[in-house]
PDB file of N, CA and C in Angstrom:
ATOM      1  N   MET A   1      72.250 133.613 100.889  1.00  0.00           N
ATOM      2  CA  MET A   1      70.926 133.623 101.483  1.00  0.00           C
ATOM      3  C   MET A   1      71.005 134.199 102.897  1.00  0.00           C
ATOM      4  N   GLU A   2      70.104 135.086 103.158  1.00  0.00           N
ATOM      5  CA  GLU A   2      70.074 135.713 104.477  1.00  0.00           C
ATOM      6  C   GLU A   2      69.310 134.837 105.469  1.00  0.00           C
ATOM      7  N   THR A   3      69.882 134.663 106.645  1.00  0.00           N
ATOM      8  CA  THR A   3      69.154 134.070 107.772  1.00  0.00           C
ATOM      9  C   THR A   3      69.200 135.088 108.910  1.00  0.00           C
ATOM     10  N   VAL A   4      68.246 134.988 109.803  1.00  0.00           N
ATOM     11  CA  VAL A   4      68.187 135.891 110.948  1.00  0.00           C
ATOM     12  C   VAL A   4      68.471 135.075 112.201  1.00  0.00           C
ATOM     13  N   GLU A   5      69.437 135.531 112.962  1.00  0.00           N
ATOM     14  CA  GLU A   5      70.002 134.749 114.061  1.00  0.00           C
ATOM     15  C   GLU A   5      68.981 134.283 115.087  1.00  0.00           C
ATOM     16  N   HIS A   6      68.037 135.109 115.493  1.00  0.00           N
ATOM     17  CA  HIS A   6      67.128 134.740 116.592  1.00  0.00           C
ATOM     18  C   HIS A   6      65.907 133.922 116.143  1.00  0.00           C
ATOM     19  N   LEU A   7      65.780 133.665 114.843  1.00  0.00           N
ATOM     20  CA  LEU A   7      64.644 132.885 114.345  1.00  0.00           C
ATOM     21  C   LEU A   7      64.965 131.395 114.336  1.00  0.00           C
ATOM     22  N   LEU A   8      63.904 130.575 114.293  1.00  0.00           N
ATOM     23  CA  LEU A   8      64.044 129.135 114.085  1.00  0.00           C
ATOM     24  C   LEU A   8      63.493 128.814 112.701  1.00  0.00           C
ATOM     25  N   TYR A   9      63.965 127.705 112.126  1.00  0.00           N
ATOM     26  CA  TYR A   9      63.641 127.368 110.733  1.00  0.00           C
ATOM     27  C   TYR A   9      63.214 125.915 110.595  1.00  0.00           C
ATOM     28  N   THR A  10      62.501 125.641 109.477  1.00  0.00           N
ATOM     29  CA  THR A  10      62.114 124.270 109.133  1.00  0.00           C
ATOM     30  C   THR A  10      62.880 123.823 107.887  1.00  0.00           C
ATOM     31  N   LYS A  11      62.852 122.522 107.630  1.00  0.00           N
ATOM     32  CA  LYS A  11      63.476 121.988 106.421  1.00  0.00           C
ATOM     33  C   LYS A  11      62.684 122.370 105.168  1.00  0.00           C
ATOM     34  N   GLU A  12      61.461 122.840 105.351  1.00  0.00           N
ATOM     35  CA  GLU A  12      60.645 123.300 104.217  1.00  0.00           C
ATOM     36  C   GLU A  12      60.798 124.807 103.995  1.00  0.00           C
ATOM     37  N   HIS A  13      61.721 125.444 104.733  1.00  0.00           N
ATOM     38  CA  HIS A  13      62.115 126.847 104.539  1.00  0.00           C
ATOM     39  C   HIS A  13      61.137 127.873 105.102  1.00  0.00           C
ATOM     40  N   GLU A  14      60.437 127.497 106.186  1.00  0.00           N
ATOM     41  CA  GLU A  14      59.653 128.479 106.924  1.00  0.00           C
ATOM     42  C   GLU A  14      60.487 128.968 108.105  1.00  0.00           C
ATOM     43  N   TRP A  15      60.191 130.174 108.581  1.00  0.00           N
ATOM     44  CA  TRP A  15      60.815 130.687 109.798  1.00  0.00           C
ATOM     45  C   TRP A  15      59.736 130.973 110.828  1.00  0.00           C
ATOM     46  N   ILE A  16      60.160 131.003 112.095  1.00  0.00           N
ATOM     47  CA  ILE A  16      59.236 131.300 113.182  1.00  0.00           C
ATOM     48  C   ILE A  16      59.978 132.106 114.242  1.00  0.00           C
ATOM     49  N   ASN A  17      59.312 133.136 114.740  1.00  0.00           N
ATOM     50  CA  ASN A  17      59.836 133.957 115.825  1.00  0.00           C
ATOM     51  C   ASN A  17      58.902 133.802 117.013  1.00  0.00           C
ATOM     52  N   ILE A  18      59.392 133.172 118.077  1.00  0.00           N
ATOM     53  CA  ILE A  18      58.559 132.838 119.239  1.00  0.00           C
ATOM     54  C   ILE A  18      58.764 133.873 120.343  1.00  0.00           C
ATOM     55  N   GLU A  19      57.645 134.415 120.835  1.00  0.00           N
ATOM     56  CA  GLU A  19      57.676 135.385 121.935  1.00  0.00           C
ATOM     57  C   GLU A  19      56.473 135.145 122.838  1.00  0.00           C
ATOM     58  N   ASP A  20      56.714 134.750 124.073  1.00  0.00           N
ATOM     59  CA  ASP A  20      55.656 134.614 125.088  1.00  0.00           C
ATOM     60  C   ASP A  20      54.474 133.752 124.640  1.00  0.00           C
ATOM     61  N   GLY A  21      54.759 132.584 124.099  1.00  0.00           N
ATOM     62  CA  GLY A  21      53.702 131.649 123.724  1.00  0.00           C
ATOM     63  C   GLY A  21      52.997 131.965 122.415  1.00  0.00           C
ATOM     64  N   GLU A  22      53.445 133.010 121.736  1.00  0.00           N
ATOM     65  CA  GLU A  22      52.914 133.347 120.421  1.00  0.00           C
ATOM     66  C   GLU A  22      54.066 133.397 119.439  1.00  0.00           C
ATOM     67  N   ALA A  23      53.750 133.252 118.155  1.00  0.00           N
ATOM     68  CA  ALA A  23      54.818 133.213 117.166  1.00  0.00           C
ATOM     69  C   ALA A  23      54.382 133.887 115.873  1.00  0.00           C
ATOM     70  N   THR A  24      55.342 134.547 115.253  1.00  0.00           N
ATOM     71  CA  THR A  24      55.158 135.097 113.917  1.00  0.00           C
ATOM     72  C   THR A  24      55.833 134.132 112.956  1.00  0.00           C
ATOM     73  N   VAL A  25      55.174 133.890 111.809  1.00  0.00           N
ATOM     74  CA  VAL A  25      55.635 132.887 110.845  1.00  0.00           C
ATOM     75  C   VAL A  25      55.753 133.510 109.454  1.00  0.00           C
ATOM     76  N   GLY A  26      56.758 133.057 108.716  1.00  0.00           N
ATOM     77  CA  GLY A  26      56.924 133.476 107.324  1.00  0.00           C
ATOM     78  C   GLY A  26      57.769 132.462 106.586  1.00  0.00           C
ATOM     79  N   ILE A  27      58.156 132.811 105.353  1.00  0.00           N
ATOM     80  CA  ILE A  27      59.051 131.935 104.600  1.00  0.00           C
ATOM     81  C   ILE A  27      60.422 132.592 104.513  1.00  0.00           C
ATOM     82  N   SER A  28      61.435 131.775 104.403  1.00  0.00           N
ATOM     83  CA  SER A  28      62.809 132.265 104.441  1.00  0.00           C
ATOM     84  C   SER A  28      63.195 132.969 103.144  1.00  0.00           C
ATOM     85  N   ASP A  29      64.306 133.672 103.214  1.00  0.00           N
ATOM     86  CA  ASP A  29      64.879 134.335 102.050  1.00  0.00           C
ATOM     87  C   ASP A  29      65.149 133.302 100.952  1.00  0.00           C
ATOM     88  N   TYR A  30      65.654 132.146 101.337  1.00  0.00           N
ATOM     89  CA  TYR A  30      65.914 131.071 100.366  1.00  0.00           C
ATOM     90  C   TYR A  30      64.619 130.669  99.655  1.00  0.00           C
ATOM     91  N   ALA A  31      63.530 130.519 100.417  1.00  0.00           N
ATOM     92  CA  ALA A  31      62.251 130.092  99.841  1.00  0.00           C
ATOM     93  C   ALA A  31      61.715 131.136  98.871  1.00  0.00           C
ATOM     94  N   GLN A  32      61.726 132.406  99.256  1.00  0.00           N
ATOM     95  CA  GLN A  32      61.174 133.421  98.366  1.00  0.00           C
ATOM     96  C   GLN A  32      62.015 133.541  97.104  1.00  0.00           C
ATOM     97  N   GLU A  33      63.333 133.375  97.223  1.00  0.00           N
ATOM     98  CA  GLU A  33      64.188 133.446  96.044  1.00  0.00           C
ATOM     99  C   GLU A  33      63.945 132.251  95.117  1.00  0.00           C
ATOM    100  N   SER A  34      63.753 131.079  95.709  1.00  0.00           N
ATOM    101  CA  SER A  34      63.481 129.871  94.919  1.00  0.00           C
ATOM    102  C   SER A  34      62.149 129.979  94.167  1.00  0.00           C
ATOM    103  N   LEU A  35      61.168 130.595  94.825  1.00  0.00           N
ATOM    104  CA  LEU A  35      59.845 130.743  94.205  1.00  0.00           C
ATOM    105  C   LEU A  35      59.831 131.761  93.075  1.00  0.00           C
ATOM    106  N   GLY A  36      60.651 132.780  93.174  1.00  0.00           N
ATOM    107  CA  GLY A  36      60.585 133.881  92.217  1.00  0.00           C
ATOM    108  C   GLY A  36      59.511 134.860  92.652  1.00  0.00           C
ATOM    109  N   ASP A  37      59.097 135.726  91.734  1.00  0.00           N
ATOM    110  CA  ASP A  37      58.133 136.779  92.083  1.00  0.00           C
ATOM    111  C   ASP A  37      56.804 136.175  92.527  1.00  0.00           C
ATOM    112  N   ILE A  38      56.442 136.444  93.771  1.00  0.00           N
ATOM    113  CA  ILE A  38      55.199 135.915  94.330  1.00  0.00           C
ATOM    114  C   ILE A  38      54.029 136.775  93.860  1.00  0.00           C
ATOM    115  N   THR A  39      53.023 136.121  93.278  1.00  0.00           N
ATOM    116  CA  THR A  39      51.899 136.838  92.675  1.00  0.00           C
ATOM    117  C   THR A  39      50.596 136.679  93.446  1.00  0.00           C
ATOM    118  N   PHE A  40      50.509 135.672  94.323  1.00  0.00           N
ATOM    119  CA  PHE A  40      49.269 135.427  95.061  1.00  0.00           C
ATOM    120  C   PHE A  40      49.590 134.606  96.299  1.00  0.00           C
ATOM    121  N   ILE A  41      48.868 134.887  97.381  1.00  0.00           N
ATOM    122  CA  ILE A  41      48.978 134.077  98.585  1.00  0.00           C
ATOM    123  C   ILE A  41      47.583 133.845  99.138  1.00  0.00           C
ATOM    124  N   GLU A  42      47.304 132.605  99.497  1.00  0.00           N
ATOM    125  CA  GLU A  42      46.043 132.258 100.150  1.00  0.00           C
ATOM    126  C   GLU A  42      46.324 132.166 101.639  1.00  0.00           C
ATOM    127  N   LEU A  43      45.934 133.216 102.356  1.00  0.00           N
ATOM    128  CA  LEU A  43      46.213 133.297 103.789  1.00  0.00           C
ATOM    129  C   LEU A  43      45.274 132.391 104.579  1.00  0.00           C
ATOM    130  N   PRO A  44      45.717 131.946 105.756  1.00  0.00           N
ATOM    131  CA  PRO A  44      44.802 131.207 106.634  1.00  0.00           C
ATOM    132  C   PRO A  44      43.779 132.188 107.218  1.00  0.00           C
ATOM    133  N   SER A  45      42.799 131.676 107.899  1.00  0.00           N
ATOM    134  CA  SER A  45      41.811 132.521 108.572  1.00  0.00           C
ATOM    135  C   SER A  45      42.122 132.585 110.055  1.00  0.00           C
ATOM    136  N   VAL A  46      41.860 133.747 110.650  1.00  0.00           N
ATOM    137  CA  VAL A  46      41.995 133.860 112.097  1.00  0.00           C
ATOM    138  C   VAL A  46      41.067 132.826 112.737  1.00  0.00           C
ATOM    139  N   GLY A  47      41.569 132.089 113.693  1.00  0.00           N
ATOM    140  CA  GLY A  47      40.801 131.029 114.337  1.00  0.00           C
ATOM    141  C   GLY A  47      41.125 129.644 113.812  1.00  0.00           C
ATOM    142  N   ASP A  48      41.789 129.557 112.652  1.00  0.00           N
ATOM    143  CA  ASP A  48      42.194 128.250 112.125  1.00  0.00           C
ATOM    144  C   ASP A  48      43.152 127.575 113.094  1.00  0.00           C
ATOM    145  N   GLU A  49      42.992 126.269 113.241  1.00  0.00           N
ATOM    146  CA  GLU A  49      43.942 125.464 114.006  1.00  0.00           C
ATOM    147  C   GLU A  49      44.948 124.880 113.016  1.00  0.00           C
ATOM    148  N   VAL A  50      46.223 124.989 113.336  1.00  0.00           N
ATOM    149  CA  VAL A  50      47.265 124.449 112.467  1.00  0.00           C
ATOM    150  C   VAL A  50      48.097 123.444 113.255  1.00  0.00           C
ATOM    151  N   GLU A  51      48.621 122.461 112.534  1.00  0.00           N
ATOM    152  CA  GLU A  51      49.464 121.444 113.147  1.00  0.00           C
ATOM    153  C   GLU A  51      50.892 121.617 112.667  1.00  0.00           C
ATOM    154  N   GLN A  52      51.838 121.237 113.535  1.00  0.00           N
ATOM    155  CA  GLN A  52      53.239 121.353 113.140  1.00  0.00           C
ATOM    156  C   GLN A  52      53.480 120.582 111.851  1.00  0.00           C
ATOM    157  N   PHE A  53      54.090 121.265 110.903  1.00  0.00           N
ATOM    158  CA  PHE A  53      54.445 120.748 109.578  1.00  0.00           C
ATOM    159  C   PHE A  53      53.223 120.413 108.719  1.00  0.00           C
ATOM    160  N   GLY A  54      52.033 120.845 109.156  1.00  0.00           N
ATOM    161  CA  GLY A  54      50.821 120.673 108.360  1.00  0.00           C
ATOM    162  C   GLY A  54      50.670 121.827 107.384  1.00  0.00           C
ATOM    163  N   GLU A  55      49.941 121.572 106.294  1.00  0.00           N
ATOM    164  CA  GLU A  55      49.724 122.607 105.288  1.00  0.00           C
ATOM    165  C   GLU A  55      49.042 123.809 105.933  1.00  0.00           C
ATOM    166  N   PHE A  56      49.518 124.987 105.572  1.00  0.00           N
ATOM    167  CA  PHE A  56      49.176 126.201 106.290  1.00  0.00           C
ATOM    168  C   PHE A  56      48.698 127.290 105.328  1.00  0.00           C
ATOM    169  N   VAL A  57      49.423 127.472 104.243  1.00  0.00           N
ATOM    170  CA  VAL A  57      49.199 128.563 103.300  1.00  0.00           C
ATOM    171  C   VAL A  57      49.576 128.060 101.910  1.00  0.00           C
ATOM    172  N   SER A  58      48.957 128.635 100.890  1.00  0.00           N
ATOM    173  CA  SER A  58      49.340 128.353  99.513  1.00  0.00           C
ATOM    174  C   SER A  58      49.878 129.637  98.892  1.00  0.00           C
ATOM    175  N   VAL A  59      51.027 129.511  98.222  1.00  0.00           N
ATOM    176  CA  VAL A  59      51.675 130.659  97.589  1.00  0.00           C
ATOM    177  C   VAL A  59      51.836 130.350  96.102  1.00  0.00           C
ATOM    178  N   GLU A  60      51.525 131.342  95.266  1.00  0.00           N
ATOM    179  CA  GLU A  60      51.742 131.197  93.826  1.00  0.00           C
ATOM    180  C   GLU A  60      52.750 132.243  93.377  1.00  0.00           C
ATOM    181  N   SER A  61      53.623 131.801  92.477  1.00  0.00           N
ATOM    182  CA  SER A  61      54.635 132.709  91.931  1.00  0.00           C
ATOM    183  C   SER A  61      54.687 132.537  90.425  1.00  0.00           C
ATOM    184  N   VAL A  62      55.535 133.318  89.784  1.00  0.00           N
ATOM    185  CA  VAL A  62      55.678 133.190  88.342  1.00  0.00           C
ATOM    186  C   VAL A  62      56.247 131.821  87.963  1.00  0.00           C
ATOM    187  N   LYS A  63      56.932 131.163  88.887  1.00  0.00           N
ATOM    188  CA  LYS A  63      57.547 129.856  88.617  1.00  0.00           C
ATOM    189  C   LYS A  63      56.655 128.671  88.981  1.00  0.00           C
ATOM    190  N   ALA A  64      55.927 128.768  90.107  1.00  0.00           N
ATOM    191  CA  ALA A  64      55.230 127.587  90.613  1.00  0.00           C
ATOM    192  C   ALA A  64      54.229 127.960  91.699  1.00  0.00           C
ATOM    193  N   ALA A  65      53.394 127.002  92.023  1.00  0.00           N
ATOM    194  CA  ALA A  65      52.549 127.101  93.220  1.00  0.00           C
ATOM    195  C   ALA A  65      53.201 126.228  94.276  1.00  0.00           C
ATOM    196  N   SER A  66      53.139 126.671  95.522  1.00  0.00           N
ATOM    197  CA  SER A  66      53.816 125.933  96.581  1.00  0.00           C
ATOM    198  C   SER A  66      53.027 126.041  97.874  1.00  0.00           C
ATOM    199  N   ASP A  67      53.061 124.971  98.644  1.00  0.00           N
ATOM    200  CA  ASP A  67      52.443 125.000  99.959  1.00  0.00           C
ATOM    201  C   ASP A  67      53.468 125.477 100.985  1.00  0.00           C
ATOM    202  N   VAL A  68      52.964 126.170 101.982  1.00  0.00           N
ATOM    203  CA  VAL A  68      53.776 126.588 103.123  1.00  0.00           C
ATOM    204  C   VAL A  68      53.232 125.811 104.314  1.00  0.00           C
ATOM    205  N   PHE A  69      54.134 125.316 105.146  1.00  0.00           N
ATOM    206  CA  PHE A  69      53.752 124.467 106.268  1.00  0.00           C
ATOM    207  C   PHE A  69      53.982 125.208 107.586  1.00  0.00           C
ATOM    208  N   SER A  70      53.145 124.954 108.553  1.00  0.00           N
ATOM    209  CA  SER A  70      53.257 125.621 109.850  1.00  0.00           C
ATOM    210  C   SER A  70      54.429 125.034 110.635  1.00  0.00           C
ATOM    211  N   PRO A  71      55.337 125.888 111.114  1.00  0.00           N
ATOM    212  CA  PRO A  71      56.472 125.380 111.892  1.00  0.00           C
ATOM    213  C   PRO A  71      56.075 124.775 113.240  1.00  0.00           C
ATOM    214  N   MET A  72      54.929 125.223 113.784  1.00  0.00           N
ATOM    215  CA  MET A  72      54.471 124.701 115.077  1.00  0.00           C
ATOM    216  C   MET A  72      52.945 124.679 115.093  1.00  0.00           C
ATOM    217  N   SER A  73      52.388 123.944 116.029  1.00  0.00           N
ATOM    218  CA  SER A  73      50.931 123.822 116.162  1.00  0.00           C
ATOM    219  C   SER A  73      50.363 124.982 116.970  1.00  0.00           C
ATOM    220  N   GLY A  74      49.100 125.306 116.660  1.00  0.00           N
ATOM    221  CA  GLY A  74      48.421 126.329 117.433  1.00  0.00           C
ATOM    222  C   GLY A  74      47.244 126.912 116.688  1.00  0.00           C
ATOM    223  N   GLU A  75      46.801 128.079 117.156  1.00  0.00           N
ATOM    224  CA  GLU A  75      45.654 128.765 116.574  1.00  0.00           C
ATOM    225  C   GLU A  75      46.121 130.055 115.912  1.00  0.00           C
ATOM    226  N   VAL A  76      45.691 130.262 114.677  1.00  0.00           N
ATOM    227  CA  VAL A  76      46.013 131.505 113.975  1.00  0.00           C
ATOM    228  C   VAL A  76      45.281 132.649 114.675  1.00  0.00           C
ATOM    229  N   ILE A  77      46.056 133.649 115.131  1.00  0.00           N
ATOM    230  CA  ILE A  77      45.449 134.781 115.838  1.00  0.00           C
ATOM    231  C   ILE A  77      45.536 136.081 115.033  1.00  0.00           C
ATOM    232  N   ALA A  78      46.335 136.098 113.969  1.00  0.00           N
ATOM    233  CA  ALA A  78      46.425 137.275 113.100  1.00  0.00           C
ATOM    234  C   ALA A  78      47.028 136.855 111.770  1.00  0.00           C
ATOM    235  N   VAL A  79      46.644 137.544 110.711  1.00  0.00           N
ATOM    236  CA  VAL A  79      47.252 137.329 109.399  1.00  0.00           C
ATOM    237  C   VAL A  79      47.691 138.682 108.839  1.00  0.00           C
ATOM    238  N   ASN A  80      48.666 138.647 107.963  1.00  0.00           N
ATOM    239  CA  ASN A  80      49.191 139.861 107.350  1.00  0.00           C
ATOM    240  C   ASN A  80      48.322 140.212 106.141  1.00  0.00           C
ATOM    241  N   GLU A  81      47.260 140.970 106.394  1.00  0.00           N
ATOM    242  CA  GLU A  81      46.297 141.332 105.347  1.00  0.00           C
ATOM    243  C   GLU A  81      46.943 142.112 104.204  1.00  0.00           C
ATOM    244  N   ASP A  82      48.050 142.797 104.478  1.00  0.00           N
ATOM    245  CA  ASP A  82      48.732 143.562 103.434  1.00  0.00           C
ATOM    246  C   ASP A  82      49.165 142.670 102.275  1.00  0.00           C
ATOM    247  N   LEU A  83      49.372 141.377 102.550  1.00  0.00           N
ATOM    248  CA  LEU A  83      49.816 140.456 101.499  1.00  0.00           C
ATOM    249  C   LEU A  83      48.724 140.187 100.465  1.00  0.00           C
ATOM    250  N   ASN A  84      47.450 140.405 100.817  1.00  0.00           N
ATOM    251  CA  ASN A  84      46.376 140.238  99.835  1.00  0.00           C
ATOM    252  C   ASN A  84      46.547 141.207  98.670  1.00  0.00           C
ATOM    253  N   GLU A  85      46.917 142.439  98.976  1.00  0.00           N
ATOM    254  CA  GLU A  85      47.113 143.465  97.948  1.00  0.00           C
ATOM    255  C   GLU A  85      48.525 143.444  97.380  1.00  0.00           C
ATOM    256  N   ASN A  86      49.476 143.007  98.170  1.00  0.00           N
ATOM    257  CA  ASN A  86      50.873 143.077  97.756  1.00  0.00           C
ATOM    258  C   ASN A  86      51.639 141.820  98.179  1.00  0.00           C
ATOM    259  N   PRO A  87      51.348 140.661  97.535  1.00  0.00           N
ATOM    260  CA  PRO A  87      52.045 139.424  97.915  1.00  0.00           C
ATOM    261  C   PRO A  87      53.551 139.484  97.680  1.00  0.00           C
ATOM    262  N   GLY A  88      53.986 140.363  96.772  1.00  0.00           N
ATOM    263  CA  GLY A  88      55.409 140.511  96.493  1.00  0.00           C
ATOM    264  C   GLY A  88      56.197 141.065  97.668  1.00  0.00           C
ATOM    265  N   MET A  89      55.476 141.531  98.706  1.00  0.00           N
ATOM    266  CA  MET A  89      56.161 142.004  99.915  1.00  0.00           C
ATOM    267  C   MET A  89      57.009 140.880 100.521  1.00  0.00           C
ATOM    268  N   ILE A  90      56.590 139.644 100.313  1.00  0.00           N
ATOM    269  CA  ILE A  90      57.374 138.502 100.808  1.00  0.00           C
ATOM    270  C   ILE A  90      58.737 138.477 100.131  1.00  0.00           C
ATOM    271  N   ASN A  91      58.783 138.799  98.822  1.00  0.00           N
ATOM    272  CA  ASN A  91      60.059 138.838  98.112  1.00  0.00           C
ATOM    273  C   ASN A  91      60.948 139.970  98.614  1.00  0.00           C
ATOM    274  N   LYS A  92      60.342 141.112  98.869  1.00  0.00           N
ATOM    275  CA  LYS A  92      61.113 142.296  99.245  1.00  0.00           C
ATOM    276  C   LYS A  92      61.578 142.260 100.696  1.00  0.00           C
ATOM    277  N   SER A  93      60.766 141.669 101.578  1.00  0.00           N
ATOM    278  CA  SER A  93      61.053 141.732 103.011  1.00  0.00           C
ATOM    279  C   SER A  93      60.554 140.464 103.712  1.00  0.00           C
ATOM    280  N   PRO A  94      61.182 139.304 103.419  1.00  0.00           N
ATOM    281  CA  PRO A  94      60.643 138.039 103.941  1.00  0.00           C
ATOM    282  C   PRO A  94      60.636 137.938 105.465  1.00  0.00           C
ATOM    283  N   TYR A  95      61.528 138.665 106.139  1.00  0.00           N
ATOM    284  CA  TYR A  95      61.631 138.534 107.591  1.00  0.00           C
ATOM    285  C   TYR A  95      60.946 139.658 108.368  1.00  0.00           C
ATOM    286  N   GLU A  96      60.528 140.711 107.686  1.00  0.00           N
ATOM    287  CA  GLU A  96      59.876 141.801 108.401  1.00  0.00           C
ATOM    288  C   GLU A  96      58.459 142.028 107.875  1.00  0.00           C
ATOM    289  N   LYS A  97      58.342 142.808 106.815  1.00  0.00           N
ATOM    290  CA  LYS A  97      57.015 143.172 106.303  1.00  0.00           C
ATOM    291  C   LYS A  97      56.296 142.008 105.632  1.00  0.00           C
ATOM    292  N   GLY A  98      57.027 140.967 105.218  1.00  0.00           N
ATOM    293  CA  GLY A  98      56.444 139.836 104.513  1.00  0.00           C
ATOM    294  C   GLY A  98      56.020 138.676 105.409  1.00  0.00           C
ATOM    295  N   TRP A  99      55.880 138.926 106.707  1.00  0.00           N
ATOM    296  CA  TRP A  99      55.407 137.868 107.605  1.00  0.00           C
ATOM    297  C   TRP A  99      54.017 137.423 107.140  1.00  0.00           C
ATOM    298  N   ILE A 100      53.657 136.178 107.445  1.00  0.00           N
ATOM    299  CA  ILE A 100      52.387 135.625 106.951  1.00  0.00           C
ATOM    300  C   ILE A 100      51.316 135.614 108.033  1.00  0.00           C
ATOM    301  N   ALA A 101      51.625 135.072 109.207  1.00  0.00           N
ATOM    302  CA  ALA A 101      50.596 134.941 110.248  1.00  0.00           C
ATOM    303  C   ALA A 101      51.233 134.909 111.624  1.00  0.00           C
ATOM    304  N   ARG A 102      50.372 135.138 112.630  1.00  0.00           N
ATOM    305  CA  ARG A 102      50.757 134.955 114.027  1.00  0.00           C
ATOM    306  C   ARG A 102      49.939 133.811 114.590  1.00  0.00           C
ATOM    307  N   ILE A 103      50.601 132.983 115.391  1.00  0.00           N
ATOM    308  CA  ILE A 103      49.982 131.784 115.945  1.00  0.00           C
ATOM    309  C   ILE A 103      50.116 131.795 117.464  1.00  0.00           C
ATOM    310  N   LYS A 104      49.023 131.463 118.154  1.00  0.00           N
ATOM    311  CA  LYS A 104      49.090 131.185 119.593  1.00  0.00           C
ATOM    312  C   LYS A 104      49.479 129.724 119.709  1.00  0.00           C
ATOM    313  N   LEU A 105      50.661 129.469 120.212  1.00  0.00           N
ATOM    314  CA  LEU A 105      51.223 128.114 120.219  1.00  0.00           C
ATOM    315  C   LEU A 105      50.512 127.207 121.216  1.00  0.00           C
ATOM    316  N   SER A 106      50.341 125.946 120.813  1.00  0.00           N
ATOM    317  CA  SER A 106      49.678 124.986 121.694  1.00  0.00           C
ATOM    318  C   SER A 106      50.646 123.989 122.324  1.00  0.00           C
ATOM    319  N   ASP A 107      51.881 123.890 121.803  1.00  0.00           N
ATOM    320  CA  ASP A 107      52.836 122.923 122.341  1.00  0.00           C
ATOM    321  C   ASP A 107      54.256 123.451 122.172  1.00  0.00           C
ATOM    322  N   SER A 108      54.773 124.086 123.204  1.00  0.00           N
ATOM    323  CA  SER A 108      56.104 124.689 123.115  1.00  0.00           C
ATOM    324  C   SER A 108      57.208 123.647 122.920  1.00  0.00           C
ATOM    325  N   GLU A 109      56.934 122.391 123.259  1.00  0.00           N
ATOM    326  CA  GLU A 109      57.937 121.327 123.082  1.00  0.00           C
ATOM    327  C   GLU A 109      58.279 121.111 121.601  1.00  0.00           C
ATOM    328  N   GLU A 110      57.365 121.464 120.708  1.00  0.00           N
ATOM    329  CA  GLU A 110      57.609 121.274 119.269  1.00  0.00           C
ATOM    330  C   GLU A 110      58.802 122.080 118.773  1.00  0.00           C
ATOM    331  N   GLN A 111      59.179 123.082 119.522  1.00  0.00           N
ATOM    332  CA  GLN A 111      60.320 123.922 119.158  1.00  0.00           C
ATOM    333  C   GLN A 111      61.572 123.080 118.939  1.00  0.00           C
ATOM    334  N   SER A 112      61.679 121.962 119.647  1.00  0.00           N
ATOM    335  CA  SER A 112      62.868 121.107 119.532  1.00  0.00           C
ATOM    336  C   SER A 112      62.983 120.456 118.153  1.00  0.00           C
ATOM    337  N   ASN A 113      61.911 120.495 117.349  1.00  0.00           N
ATOM    338  CA  ASN A 113      61.934 119.914 115.996  1.00  0.00           C
ATOM    339  C   ASN A 113      62.413 120.913 114.947  1.00  0.00           C
ATOM    340  N   LEU A 114      62.799 122.107 115.365  1.00  0.00           N
ATOM    341  CA  LEU A 114      63.189 123.171 114.440  1.00  0.00           C
ATOM    342  C   LEU A 114      64.694 123.398 114.477  1.00  0.00           C
ATOM    343  N   MET A 115      65.197 124.116 113.485  1.00  0.00           N
ATOM    344  CA  MET A 115      66.632 124.398 113.375  1.00  0.00           C
ATOM    345  C   MET A 115      66.935 125.841 113.791  1.00  0.00           C
ATOM    346  N   THR A 116      68.099 126.037 114.389  1.00  0.00           N
ATOM    347  CA  THR A 116      68.600 127.387 114.650  1.00  0.00           C
ATOM    348  C   THR A 116      69.057 127.984 113.313  1.00  0.00           C
ATOM    349  N   ALA A 117      69.363 129.276 113.312  1.00  0.00           N
ATOM    350  CA  ALA A 117      69.848 129.924 112.084  1.00  0.00           C
ATOM    351  C   ALA A 117      71.127 129.257 111.589  1.00  0.00           C
ATOM    352  N   ASP A 118      72.020 128.902 112.498  1.00  0.00           N
ATOM    353  CA  ASP A 118      73.266 128.252 112.120  1.00  0.00           C
ATOM    354  C   ASP A 118      73.006 126.873 111.506  1.00  0.00           C
ATOM    355  N   GLU A 119      72.136 126.111 112.138  1.00  0.00           N
ATOM    356  CA  GLU A 119      71.792 124.783 111.610  1.00  0.00           C
ATOM    357  C   GLU A 119      71.110 124.911 110.244  1.00  0.00           C
ATOM    358  N   TYR A 120      70.255 125.911 110.095  1.00  0.00           N
ATOM    359  CA  TYR A 120      69.556 126.119 108.821  1.00  0.00           C
ATOM    360  C   TYR A 120      70.553 126.516 107.717  1.00  0.00           C
ATOM    361  N   SER A 121      71.501 127.360 108.036  1.00  0.00           N
ATOM    362  CA  SER A 121      72.523 127.748 107.051  1.00  0.00           C
ATOM    363  C   SER A 121      73.314 126.536 106.571  1.00  0.00           C
ATOM    364  N   LYS A 122      73.661 125.646 107.489  1.00  0.00           N
ATOM    365  CA  LYS A 122      74.372 124.416 107.111  1.00  0.00           C
ATOM    366  C   LYS A 122      73.462 123.514 106.278  1.00  0.00           C
ATOM    367  N   PHE A 123      72.179 123.459 106.620  1.00  0.00           N
ATOM    368  CA  PHE A 123      71.206 122.681 105.856  1.00  0.00           C
ATOM    369  C   PHE A 123      71.120 123.212 104.426  1.00  0.00           C
ATOM    370  N   LEU A 124      71.108 124.531 104.250  1.00  0.00           N
ATOM    371  CA  LEU A 124      71.027 125.118 102.907  1.00  0.00           C
ATOM    372  C   LEU A 124      72.233 124.720 102.059  1.00  0.00           C
ATOM    373  N   VAL A 125      73.402 124.663 102.671  1.00  0.00           N
ATOM    374  CA  VAL A 125      74.596 124.221 101.957  1.00  0.00           C
ATOM    375  C   VAL A 125      74.426 122.780 101.484  1.00  0.00           C
ATOM    376  N   SER A 126      73.849 121.950 102.333  1.00  0.00           N
ATOM    377  CA  SER A 126      73.685 120.539 101.994  1.00  0.00           C
ATOM    378  C   SER A 126      72.640 120.301 100.903  1.00  0.00           C
ATOM    379  N   VAL A 127      71.660 121.201 100.759  1.00  0.00           N
ATOM    380  CA  VAL A 127      70.641 121.023  99.710  1.00  0.00           C
ATOM    381  C   VAL A 127      71.081 121.666  98.399  1.00  0.00           C
ATOM    382  N   GLY A 128      72.167 122.394  98.446  1.00  0.00           N
ATOM    383  CA  GLY A 128      72.815 122.823  97.261  1.00  0.00           C
ATOM    384  C   GLY A 128      72.465 124.112  96.648  1.00  0.00           C
TER     385      GLY A 128
END
């Protein structure tokens, strides 16, 4: 499973890239592989308020439907509209083209509840 060194991760397999009080969010390589071919995604709306670890997005795949949780709290300021037409982009490029949304963060302290890439890699080993 690929992890990206500068990203932070959740135990629910989301990633977040924080830059200047804003963050890009997606699901990890492990999550997209576990889901299988993603066929539909219900994106949040710009302006939605999200809470850390609160339900954020719904993803459907050939295997299952799954909720995606927000790694941090804030306001959705952009969504990846390309995923409406091509949700499988998450499978092909989970860390670049398959990003889900951008959030204006409301509490930078929440970052301490997330894992580094190294910690996430060790967590993946422990979940088997």
